[in-house]
N, C-alpha and C. Protein backbone atom coordinates (compact mmCIF):
# COMPACT_ATOMS: atom_id res chain seq x y z
N MET A 1 131.03 72.03 37.36
CA MET A 1 130.05 71.48 36.42
C MET A 1 128.63 71.51 36.80
N GLY A 2 128.02 72.42 36.22
CA GLY A 2 126.65 72.58 36.59
C GLY A 2 126.26 72.98 37.95
N LEU A 3 125.24 72.37 38.50
CA LEU A 3 124.77 72.77 39.88
C LEU A 3 125.68 72.09 41.04
N VAL A 4 126.27 71.15 40.77
CA VAL A 4 127.17 70.51 41.90
C VAL A 4 128.61 70.95 41.66
N SER A 5 129.15 71.86 42.53
CA SER A 5 130.48 72.38 42.27
C SER A 5 131.58 71.67 43.32
N MET A 6 132.61 71.35 42.69
CA MET A 6 133.57 70.79 43.56
C MET A 6 134.86 71.55 43.26
N LYS A 7 135.95 71.47 44.22
CA LYS A 7 137.23 72.26 44.10
C LYS A 7 138.06 71.88 42.80
N ALA A 8 138.07 70.57 42.51
CA ALA A 8 138.74 70.10 41.38
C ALA A 8 137.85 69.22 40.45
N LEU A 9 138.23 69.36 39.15
CA LEU A 9 137.24 68.47 38.28
C LEU A 9 137.47 66.97 38.46
N THR A 10 138.68 66.47 38.99
CA THR A 10 138.99 65.18 39.32
C THR A 10 138.17 64.57 40.41
N ASP A 11 137.75 65.55 41.35
CA ASP A 11 136.82 65.15 42.49
C ASP A 11 135.53 64.38 42.03
N TYR A 12 135.05 64.67 40.86
CA TYR A 12 133.71 64.07 40.35
C TYR A 12 133.91 62.59 40.15
N TRP A 13 135.13 62.13 39.97
CA TRP A 13 135.72 60.83 39.71
C TRP A 13 136.32 60.03 40.89
N SER A 14 136.72 60.94 41.87
CA SER A 14 137.45 60.47 43.03
C SER A 14 136.50 59.46 43.86
N LEU A 15 137.34 58.69 44.60
CA LEU A 15 136.61 57.61 45.62
C LEU A 15 135.78 58.19 46.64
N ASN A 16 136.32 59.33 47.32
CA ASN A 16 135.50 59.85 48.31
C ASN A 16 134.40 60.79 47.91
N LEU A 17 134.56 61.64 46.79
CA LEU A 17 133.69 62.54 46.51
C LEU A 17 132.99 62.15 45.26
N ARG A 18 132.90 61.03 44.60
CA ARG A 18 132.36 60.60 43.46
C ARG A 18 130.98 61.10 43.25
N PHE A 19 130.80 61.66 41.98
CA PHE A 19 129.38 62.19 41.69
C PHE A 19 129.00 61.14 40.41
N ASP A 20 128.22 60.31 40.86
CA ASP A 20 127.80 59.15 39.78
C ASP A 20 127.15 59.68 38.48
N PRO A 21 126.23 60.71 38.43
CA PRO A 21 125.83 60.97 37.17
C PRO A 21 126.84 61.43 36.21
N ILE A 22 127.96 62.06 36.61
CA ILE A 22 129.09 62.42 35.79
C ILE A 22 129.95 61.53 35.60
N ALA A 23 130.38 60.86 36.74
CA ALA A 23 131.46 59.67 36.57
C ALA A 23 131.01 58.50 35.93
N ASN A 24 129.73 58.08 35.85
CA ASN A 24 129.17 56.88 35.13
C ASN A 24 129.14 57.26 33.61
N MET A 25 128.87 58.45 33.46
CA MET A 25 128.82 58.90 31.80
C MET A 25 129.92 58.79 31.03
N THR A 26 131.11 59.21 31.45
CA THR A 26 132.38 58.99 30.81
C THR A 26 133.53 59.01 31.65
N PRO A 27 134.61 58.00 31.27
CA PRO A 27 135.75 57.96 32.15
C PRO A 27 136.44 59.26 32.32
N LEU A 28 137.19 59.53 33.40
CA LEU A 28 138.07 60.65 33.63
C LEU A 28 138.98 60.92 32.38
N LYS A 29 139.81 59.97 31.99
CA LYS A 29 140.76 60.22 30.89
C LYS A 29 140.13 60.61 29.66
N ILE A 30 138.99 60.15 29.31
CA ILE A 30 138.27 60.43 28.05
C ILE A 30 137.77 61.98 28.10
N TYR A 31 137.21 62.36 29.27
CA TYR A 31 136.81 63.61 29.45
C TYR A 31 137.85 64.62 29.49
N GLN A 32 139.09 64.25 30.10
CA GLN A 32 140.37 65.14 29.98
C GLN A 32 140.84 65.34 28.65
N LEU A 33 140.79 64.23 27.81
CA LEU A 33 141.11 64.35 26.44
C LEU A 33 140.24 65.21 25.60
N LEU A 34 138.91 65.02 25.73
CA LEU A 34 137.94 65.81 25.13
C LEU A 34 138.10 67.33 25.54
N ARG A 35 138.23 67.57 26.72
CA ARG A 35 138.38 68.93 27.24
C ARG A 35 139.61 69.66 26.79
N SER A 36 140.58 68.91 26.55
CA SER A 36 141.88 69.67 26.09
C SER A 36 142.07 69.76 24.71
N ASN A 37 141.14 69.15 23.88
CA ASN A 37 141.25 69.28 22.40
C ASN A 37 139.76 69.35 21.75
N PRO A 38 139.11 70.48 22.04
CA PRO A 38 137.73 70.78 21.42
C PRO A 38 137.92 71.01 19.98
N HIS A 39 137.54 70.13 19.19
CA HIS A 39 137.33 70.48 17.75
C HIS A 39 135.78 70.40 17.31
N LEU A 40 135.57 71.44 16.74
CA LEU A 40 133.94 71.46 16.43
C LEU A 40 133.73 71.37 14.87
N VAL A 41 134.72 71.57 14.18
CA VAL A 41 134.72 71.65 12.69
C VAL A 41 136.03 71.16 12.14
N ASP A 42 136.09 70.74 10.86
CA ASP A 42 137.33 70.27 10.31
C ASP A 42 138.19 71.51 10.07
N ASN A 43 139.39 71.29 10.54
CA ASN A 43 140.37 72.39 10.27
C ASN A 43 140.94 72.71 8.96
N GLU A 44 140.83 71.61 8.13
CA GLU A 44 141.04 71.78 6.58
C GLU A 44 140.05 72.54 5.76
N GLN A 45 138.89 72.63 6.51
CA GLN A 45 137.76 73.49 5.74
C GLN A 45 138.27 74.94 5.52
N ASN A 46 138.41 75.27 4.26
CA ASN A 46 138.71 76.60 3.85
C ASN A 46 137.56 77.59 3.92
N SER A 47 137.64 78.57 4.70
CA SER A 47 136.44 79.43 5.05
C SER A 47 136.83 80.84 5.14
N ASN A 48 136.18 81.69 4.54
CA ASN A 48 136.37 83.25 4.69
C ASN A 48 135.78 83.77 5.96
N ASN A 49 134.82 83.04 6.54
CA ASN A 49 134.19 83.39 7.72
C ASN A 49 135.06 83.12 8.88
N ARG A 50 135.31 84.34 9.60
CA ARG A 50 136.20 84.28 10.78
C ARG A 50 135.61 83.54 11.94
N TYR A 51 134.40 83.23 12.06
CA TYR A 51 133.93 82.54 13.11
C TYR A 51 133.41 81.07 12.78
N PHE A 52 134.02 80.47 11.80
CA PHE A 52 133.60 79.14 11.29
C PHE A 52 133.95 78.00 12.18
N LYS A 53 135.03 78.30 13.18
CA LYS A 53 135.33 77.23 14.00
C LYS A 53 134.53 77.26 15.18
N ILE A 54 133.83 78.24 15.63
CA ILE A 54 133.02 78.34 16.80
C ILE A 54 131.54 78.30 16.51
N ARG A 55 131.20 78.62 15.34
CA ARG A 55 129.76 78.73 14.84
C ARG A 55 128.87 77.66 15.38
N PRO A 56 129.22 76.39 15.35
CA PRO A 56 128.32 75.24 15.64
C PRO A 56 127.99 75.28 17.22
N LEU A 57 129.03 75.73 18.08
CA LEU A 57 128.76 75.75 19.37
C LEU A 57 127.97 77.00 19.78
N LEU A 58 128.21 78.06 19.22
CA LEU A 58 127.53 79.21 19.56
C LEU A 58 125.90 79.11 18.94
N GLU A 59 125.76 78.66 17.90
CA GLU A 59 124.36 78.12 17.48
C GLU A 59 123.69 77.43 18.41
N LYS A 60 124.24 76.39 18.86
CA LYS A 60 123.71 75.38 19.88
C LYS A 60 123.27 76.28 21.19
N VAL A 61 124.24 76.95 21.65
CA VAL A 61 123.97 77.87 22.92
C VAL A 61 122.70 78.78 22.58
N ARG A 62 123.00 79.39 21.52
CA ARG A 62 121.70 80.36 21.15
C ARG A 62 120.44 79.76 21.01
N ASP A 63 120.45 78.57 20.47
CA ASP A 63 119.04 77.70 20.38
C ASP A 63 118.58 77.35 21.64
N ASN A 64 119.55 76.86 22.59
CA ASN A 64 119.01 76.52 23.84
C ASN A 64 118.60 77.83 24.64
N CYS A 65 119.19 78.91 24.49
CA CYS A 65 118.73 80.04 25.14
C CYS A 65 117.37 80.59 24.72
N LEU A 66 117.16 80.49 23.34
CA LEU A 66 115.90 80.77 22.76
C LEU A 66 114.72 79.97 23.32
N ARG A 67 115.08 78.69 23.67
CA ARG A 67 113.89 77.96 24.19
C ARG A 67 113.34 78.27 25.37
N ILE A 68 114.27 79.21 26.28
CA ILE A 68 113.59 79.60 27.58
C ILE A 68 112.61 80.53 27.32
N GLU A 69 111.48 80.18 27.86
CA GLU A 69 110.24 81.03 27.78
C GLU A 69 110.31 82.53 28.33
N GLU A 70 109.82 83.33 27.53
CA GLU A 70 110.04 84.77 27.87
C GLU A 70 108.98 85.19 28.96
N GLU A 71 109.50 85.96 29.95
CA GLU A 71 108.55 86.48 30.92
C GLU A 71 108.14 87.78 30.67
N LYS A 72 107.18 88.23 31.41
CA LYS A 72 106.56 89.65 31.00
C LYS A 72 107.37 90.80 31.91
N LYS A 73 108.07 90.33 33.03
CA LYS A 73 108.86 91.29 33.81
C LYS A 73 110.26 90.99 33.43
N PHE A 74 111.12 92.07 33.20
CA PHE A 74 112.51 92.03 33.01
C PHE A 74 113.21 93.18 33.20
N SER A 75 114.51 93.29 33.22
CA SER A 75 115.24 94.42 33.66
C SER A 75 116.37 94.50 32.56
N ILE A 76 116.88 95.60 32.18
CA ILE A 76 117.85 95.79 31.18
C ILE A 76 119.03 96.46 31.89
N ASP A 77 120.16 95.84 31.82
CA ASP A 77 121.37 96.41 32.46
C ASP A 77 122.44 96.66 31.36
N GLU A 78 123.03 98.02 31.52
CA GLU A 78 123.85 98.34 30.55
C GLU A 78 125.12 98.64 31.32
N MET A 79 126.29 98.12 30.72
CA MET A 79 127.52 98.36 31.50
C MET A 79 128.66 98.83 30.53
N MET A 80 129.68 99.44 31.05
CA MET A 80 130.76 99.93 30.11
C MET A 80 131.99 98.98 30.63
N ILE A 81 132.60 98.33 29.65
CA ILE A 81 133.63 97.50 30.10
C ILE A 81 134.82 98.12 29.52
N PRO A 82 135.86 98.47 30.48
CA PRO A 82 137.33 98.94 29.96
C PRO A 82 137.96 97.98 29.10
N TYR A 83 138.52 98.54 28.06
CA TYR A 83 139.25 97.70 27.03
C TYR A 83 140.27 98.46 26.22
N LYS A 84 141.59 98.13 26.27
CA LYS A 84 142.54 98.84 25.59
C LYS A 84 143.05 97.95 24.41
N GLY A 85 142.71 96.82 24.12
CA GLY A 85 143.22 95.94 23.03
C GLY A 85 142.77 96.38 21.78
N THR A 86 143.36 95.64 20.81
CA THR A 86 142.86 95.94 19.44
C THR A 86 141.87 95.05 18.66
N LYS A 87 141.79 93.88 19.52
CA LYS A 87 140.84 92.87 18.82
C LYS A 87 139.50 92.84 19.69
N ALA A 88 138.74 93.89 19.60
CA ALA A 88 137.59 93.90 20.23
C ALA A 88 136.32 93.13 19.58
N GLY A 89 136.61 92.54 18.54
CA GLY A 89 135.50 91.87 17.65
C GLY A 89 134.64 92.94 17.08
N ARG A 90 133.35 92.70 17.17
CA ARG A 90 132.36 93.51 16.59
C ARG A 90 131.73 94.32 17.69
N LYS A 91 132.25 94.70 18.60
CA LYS A 91 131.68 95.53 19.75
C LYS A 91 131.99 96.94 19.32
N ARG A 92 131.16 97.92 20.00
CA ARG A 92 131.32 99.37 19.70
C ARG A 92 132.29 99.92 20.72
N ASP A 93 133.28 100.66 20.14
CA ASP A 93 134.10 101.28 21.13
C ASP A 93 133.62 102.76 21.41
N ILE A 94 133.75 103.11 22.59
CA ILE A 94 133.22 104.49 23.07
C ILE A 94 134.50 105.11 23.63
N ARG A 95 135.00 106.24 23.15
CA ARG A 95 136.18 106.89 23.53
C ARG A 95 135.82 107.98 24.50
N THR A 96 136.44 108.07 25.64
CA THR A 96 136.31 109.14 26.57
C THR A 96 137.62 109.75 26.76
N SER A 97 137.54 110.97 27.05
CA SER A 97 139.03 111.53 27.29
C SER A 97 139.66 111.20 28.57
N ASP A 98 138.83 110.92 29.67
CA ASP A 98 139.35 110.74 30.96
C ASP A 98 139.79 109.23 31.17
N GLN A 99 138.93 108.45 30.68
CA GLN A 99 139.43 106.88 31.03
C GLN A 99 139.82 106.01 29.81
N GLY A 100 139.87 106.49 28.59
CA GLY A 100 140.31 105.64 27.56
C GLY A 100 139.12 104.94 26.95
N ALA A 101 139.33 103.91 26.27
CA ALA A 101 138.24 103.08 25.39
C ALA A 101 137.60 102.28 26.31
N LYS A 102 136.25 101.99 26.00
CA LYS A 102 135.48 101.28 26.72
C LYS A 102 134.54 100.54 25.73
N THR A 103 133.99 99.35 26.07
CA THR A 103 132.99 98.63 25.26
C THR A 103 131.70 98.74 25.96
N LYS A 104 130.67 99.00 25.12
CA LYS A 104 129.24 99.11 25.86
C LYS A 104 128.69 97.72 25.47
N ASN A 105 128.06 97.20 26.64
CA ASN A 105 127.35 95.89 26.73
C ASN A 105 126.07 96.02 27.25
N SER A 106 125.06 95.43 26.84
CA SER A 106 123.81 95.48 27.53
C SER A 106 123.16 94.13 27.48
N LYS A 107 122.55 93.78 28.69
CA LYS A 107 121.89 92.50 28.97
C LYS A 107 120.60 92.57 29.63
N ARG A 108 119.64 91.62 29.09
CA ARG A 108 118.36 91.73 29.62
C ARG A 108 118.25 90.35 30.53
N SER A 109 117.79 90.77 31.78
CA SER A 109 117.47 89.58 32.65
C SER A 109 116.02 89.58 32.98
N GLN A 110 115.59 88.39 33.12
CA GLN A 110 114.15 88.13 33.47
C GLN A 110 113.86 88.07 34.95
N ALA A 111 112.73 88.25 35.56
CA ALA A 111 112.41 88.22 36.88
C ALA A 111 112.90 87.04 37.59
N SER A 112 112.99 85.96 36.99
CA SER A 112 113.42 84.60 37.53
C SER A 112 114.95 84.57 37.63
N GLY A 113 115.62 85.49 37.00
CA GLY A 113 117.11 85.55 37.07
C GLY A 113 117.74 84.95 35.83
N GLN A 114 116.96 84.39 34.85
CA GLN A 114 117.53 83.89 33.72
C GLN A 114 117.68 85.11 32.76
N SER A 115 118.56 84.86 31.87
CA SER A 115 118.80 85.98 30.79
C SER A 115 118.72 85.24 29.39
N ARG A 116 118.08 86.03 28.41
CA ARG A 116 118.03 85.43 27.03
C ARG A 116 119.27 85.84 26.50
N CYS A 117 120.11 85.06 25.93
CA CYS A 117 121.51 85.26 25.53
C CYS A 117 121.72 86.19 24.30
N GLU A 118 120.61 86.33 23.52
CA GLU A 118 120.87 87.11 22.32
C GLU A 118 120.95 88.47 22.54
N GLU A 119 120.60 89.03 23.66
CA GLU A 119 120.76 90.44 24.13
C GLU A 119 122.10 90.66 24.56
N GLY A 120 122.80 89.78 25.20
CA GLY A 120 124.12 90.00 25.82
C GLY A 120 125.23 89.73 24.89
N ILE A 121 125.03 89.00 23.84
CA ILE A 121 126.13 88.69 22.88
C ILE A 121 125.85 89.31 21.49
N ASP A 122 126.74 89.85 20.81
CA ASP A 122 126.73 90.30 19.47
C ASP A 122 126.50 89.18 18.48
N TRP A 123 125.19 89.10 18.00
CA TRP A 123 124.95 87.81 17.10
C TRP A 123 124.87 88.33 15.58
N THR A 124 125.41 89.38 15.28
CA THR A 124 125.29 89.98 13.81
C THR A 124 126.20 89.03 13.09
N PHE A 125 127.17 88.55 13.46
CA PHE A 125 128.17 87.56 12.73
C PHE A 125 127.36 86.32 12.12
N PHE A 126 126.28 85.95 12.72
CA PHE A 126 125.45 84.77 12.27
C PHE A 126 124.84 85.02 10.89
N ASN A 127 124.69 86.30 10.47
CA ASN A 127 124.26 86.55 9.25
C ASN A 127 125.42 86.74 8.12
N ILE A 128 126.53 86.54 8.47
CA ILE A 128 127.66 86.76 7.55
C ILE A 128 128.00 85.36 6.97
N HIS A 129 127.85 85.10 5.66
CA HIS A 129 128.05 83.84 4.99
C HIS A 129 129.39 83.80 4.32
N GLU A 130 129.63 82.62 3.86
CA GLU A 130 130.89 82.44 3.16
C GLU A 130 131.44 83.49 2.06
N GLU A 131 130.27 83.99 1.33
CA GLU A 131 130.68 84.93 0.33
C GLU A 131 130.76 86.35 0.74
N GLY A 132 130.49 86.61 2.22
CA GLY A 132 130.59 87.77 2.69
C GLY A 132 129.34 88.63 2.71
N GLU A 133 128.20 87.95 2.08
CA GLU A 133 127.00 88.83 1.93
C GLU A 133 126.23 88.66 3.45
N VAL A 134 125.53 89.80 3.63
CA VAL A 134 124.74 89.81 4.86
C VAL A 134 123.30 89.53 4.71
N GLN A 135 122.64 88.78 5.32
CA GLN A 135 121.25 88.38 5.14
C GLN A 135 120.48 88.97 6.57
N LYS A 136 119.24 89.33 6.28
CA LYS A 136 118.55 90.07 7.36
C LYS A 136 118.04 88.84 8.40
N MET A 137 118.17 89.02 9.59
CA MET A 137 117.61 88.08 10.64
C MET A 137 116.17 88.19 10.80
N SER A 138 115.56 86.98 10.95
CA SER A 138 114.17 87.09 11.09
C SER A 138 113.65 86.99 12.46
């Protein structure tokens, strides 16, 4: 959990290894209940958008990443990820005869080690609305 890592989640609440900032915030049983059943939206909501269940979480993560101040020095890392499944999402498949299908992923990291997450994640689905129309990102 964050900067303080322990071998088991229950160690944060244990008597010997108790970590007060976490243990005082919420009881262990409630934390385990919330962690086992994360619901971000109402399941009864009828939506044509395939990302409607995780959209609030991804928007929050993206907003927090965009708050990181951009530095002048950065590096771009491009990697090929082997993938043979059929549900690759909105990534681009690159077929090579010798190694099969791969997914191309690029990431930009700043000199401080932080990365702005909009480069590493395909955010195009944020422009897809209920009716299926696509709007241009600003």
